[in-house]
């Protein structure tokens, strides 16, 4: 149930805001930006926005390929690797 609510909220938010317009308004180069997420939908959203994508979370993600730029175990690992 919780996952369905979260997915609904993510969908509603993405429809309310046009990512490229927001990026332009704030002078953000999406090709140099990262979308970090733990699901296929997160990776799809980042790819559609033109971002590099990083799949984080459980090691079971090794068996999935959503076209992400990188796969890592945690946000902590992402921060250490990219910052």
C-alpha atoms as a PDB file:
ATOM      1  CA  UNK A   1       0.000   0.000   0.000  1.00  0.00           C
ATOM      2  CA  UNK A   2       2.763   2.451   0.965  1.00  0.00           C
ATOM      3  CA  UNK A   3       4.603   1.796  -2.328  1.00  0.00           C
ATOM      4  CA  UNK A   4       1.431   2.546  -4.310  1.00  0.00           C
ATOM      5  CA  UNK A   5       1.011   5.847  -2.484  1.00  0.00           C
ATOM      6  CA  UNK A   6       4.657   6.817  -3.082  1.00  0.00           C
ATOM      7  CA  UNK A   7       4.388   5.938  -6.785  1.00  0.00           C
ATOM      8  CA  UNK A   8       1.209   8.013  -7.067  1.00  0.00           C
ATOM      9  CA  UNK A   9       2.908  10.996  -5.442  1.00  0.00           C
ATOM     10  CA  UNK A  10       5.979  10.679  -7.691  1.00  0.00           C
ATOM     11  CA  UNK A  11       3.727  10.546 -10.758  1.00  0.00           C
ATOM     12  CA  UNK A  12       1.726  13.571  -9.651  1.00  0.00           C
ATOM     13  CA  UNK A  13       4.839  15.600  -8.947  1.00  0.00           C
ATOM     14  CA  UNK A  14       6.412  14.735 -12.285  1.00  0.00           C
ATOM     15  CA  UNK A  15       3.254  15.889 -14.075  1.00  0.00           C
ATOM     16  CA  UNK A  16       3.184  19.169 -12.166  1.00  0.00           C
ATOM     17  CA  UNK A  17       6.744  20.157 -13.024  1.00  0.00           C
ATOM     18  CA  UNK A  18       8.563  20.108 -16.311  1.00  0.00           C
ATOM     19  CA  UNK A  19      12.121  19.097 -15.415  1.00  0.00           C
ATOM     20  CA  UNK A  20      13.770  20.858 -18.321  1.00  0.00           C
ATOM     21  CA  UNK A  21      11.982  24.145 -17.575  1.00  0.00           C
ATOM     22  CA  UNK A  22      13.028  24.002 -13.928  1.00  0.00           C
ATOM     23  CA  UNK A  23      16.614  23.189 -14.904  1.00  0.00           C
ATOM     24  CA  UNK A  24      16.645  26.126 -17.303  1.00  0.00           C
ATOM     25  CA  UNK A  25      15.191  28.488 -14.672  1.00  0.00           C
ATOM     26  CA  UNK A  26      17.918  27.540 -12.185  1.00  0.00           C
ATOM     27  CA  UNK A  27      20.720  27.178 -14.745  1.00  0.00           C
ATOM     28  CA  UNK A  28      21.220  23.441 -14.083  1.00  0.00           C
ATOM     29  CA  UNK A  29      23.028  21.340 -16.685  1.00  0.00           C
ATOM     30  CA  UNK A  30      21.073  18.079 -16.507  1.00  0.00           C
ATOM     31  CA  UNK A  31      23.767  16.207 -18.449  1.00  0.00           C
ATOM     32  CA  UNK A  32      26.103  16.872 -15.508  1.00  0.00           C
ATOM     33  CA  UNK A  33      23.462  16.004 -12.904  1.00  0.00           C
ATOM     34  CA  UNK A  34      22.664  12.700 -11.214  1.00  0.00           C
ATOM     35  CA  UNK A  35      19.359  11.028 -10.513  1.00  0.00           C
ATOM     36  CA  UNK A  36      19.908   8.601  -7.654  1.00  0.00           C
ATOM     37  CA  UNK A  37      17.147   6.123  -6.990  1.00  0.00           C
ATOM     38  CA  UNK A  38      16.242   2.639  -5.906  1.00  0.00           C
ATOM     39  CA  UNK A  39      13.798   1.594  -8.611  1.00  0.00           C
ATOM     40  CA  UNK A  40      13.375   1.230 -12.339  1.00  0.00           C
ATOM     41  CA  UNK A  41      11.027   4.232 -12.357  1.00  0.00           C
ATOM     42  CA  UNK A  42      13.683   6.431 -10.749  1.00  0.00           C
ATOM     43  CA  UNK A  43      16.205   5.415 -13.405  1.00  0.00           C
ATOM     44  CA  UNK A  44      13.682   6.009 -16.192  1.00  0.00           C
ATOM     45  CA  UNK A  45      12.880   9.469 -14.825  1.00  0.00           C
ATOM     46  CA  UNK A  46      16.553  10.410 -14.661  1.00  0.00           C
ATOM     47  CA  UNK A  47      17.213   9.101 -18.142  1.00  0.00           C
ATOM     48  CA  UNK A  48      14.247  10.998 -19.581  1.00  0.00           C
ATOM     49  CA  UNK A  49      15.481  14.166 -17.895  1.00  0.00           C
ATOM     50  CA  UNK A  50      18.919  13.686 -19.461  1.00  0.00           C
ATOM     51  CA  UNK A  51      20.716  12.965 -16.180  1.00  0.00           C
ATOM     52  CA  UNK A  52      23.304  10.377 -15.297  1.00  0.00           C
ATOM     53  CA  UNK A  53      21.563   7.706 -13.239  1.00  0.00           C
ATOM     54  CA  UNK A  54      22.667   5.671 -10.241  1.00  0.00           C
ATOM     55  CA  UNK A  55      20.737   2.717  -8.881  1.00  0.00           C
ATOM     56  CA  UNK A  56      21.252   2.311  -5.130  1.00  0.00           C
ATOM     57  CA  UNK A  57      20.009  -0.181  -2.617  1.00  0.00           C
ATOM     58  CA  UNK A  58      20.070  -3.873  -2.102  1.00  0.00           C
ATOM     59  CA  UNK A  59      22.652  -6.023  -3.822  1.00  0.00           C
ATOM     60  CA  UNK A  60      19.822  -7.813  -5.632  1.00  0.00           C
ATOM     61  CA  UNK A  61      19.974  -4.940  -8.129  1.00  0.00           C
ATOM     62  CA  UNK A  62      22.945  -6.729  -9.673  1.00  0.00           C
ATOM     63  CA  UNK A  63      20.506  -8.942 -11.535  1.00  0.00           C
ATOM     64  CA  UNK A  64      18.674  -5.957 -13.046  1.00  0.00           C
ATOM     65  CA  UNK A  65      19.799  -3.611 -15.778  1.00  0.00           C
ATOM     66  CA  UNK A  66      17.681  -0.522 -16.256  1.00  0.00           C
ATOM     67  CA  UNK A  67      20.301   1.313 -18.309  1.00  0.00           C
ATOM     68  CA  UNK A  68      21.683   3.143 -15.275  1.00  0.00           C
ATOM     69  CA  UNK A  69      25.098   4.798 -15.326  1.00  0.00           C
ATOM     70  CA  UNK A  70      26.202   3.048 -12.128  1.00  0.00           C
ATOM     71  CA  UNK A  71      24.976   0.656  -9.412  1.00  0.00           C
ATOM     72  CA  UNK A  72      25.932   1.186  -5.784  1.00  0.00           C
ATOM     73  CA  UNK A  73      24.899  -0.249  -2.435  1.00  0.00           C
ATOM     74  CA  UNK A  74      24.036   3.030  -0.675  1.00  0.00           C
ATOM     75  CA  UNK A  75      23.811   6.809  -0.815  1.00  0.00           C
ATOM     76  CA  UNK A  76      26.895   6.869   1.378  1.00  0.00           C
ATOM     77  CA  UNK A  77      28.801   4.946  -1.296  1.00  0.00           C
ATOM     78  CA  UNK A  78      27.474   7.373  -3.938  1.00  0.00           C
ATOM     79  CA  UNK A  79      28.699  10.377  -1.941  1.00  0.00           C
ATOM     80  CA  UNK A  80      32.126   8.851  -1.424  1.00  0.00           C
ATOM     81  CA  UNK A  81      32.512   7.944  -5.076  1.00  0.00           C
ATOM     82  CA  UNK A  82      31.195  11.110  -6.752  1.00  0.00           C
ATOM     83  CA  UNK A  83      31.990  13.929  -4.283  1.00  0.00           C
END
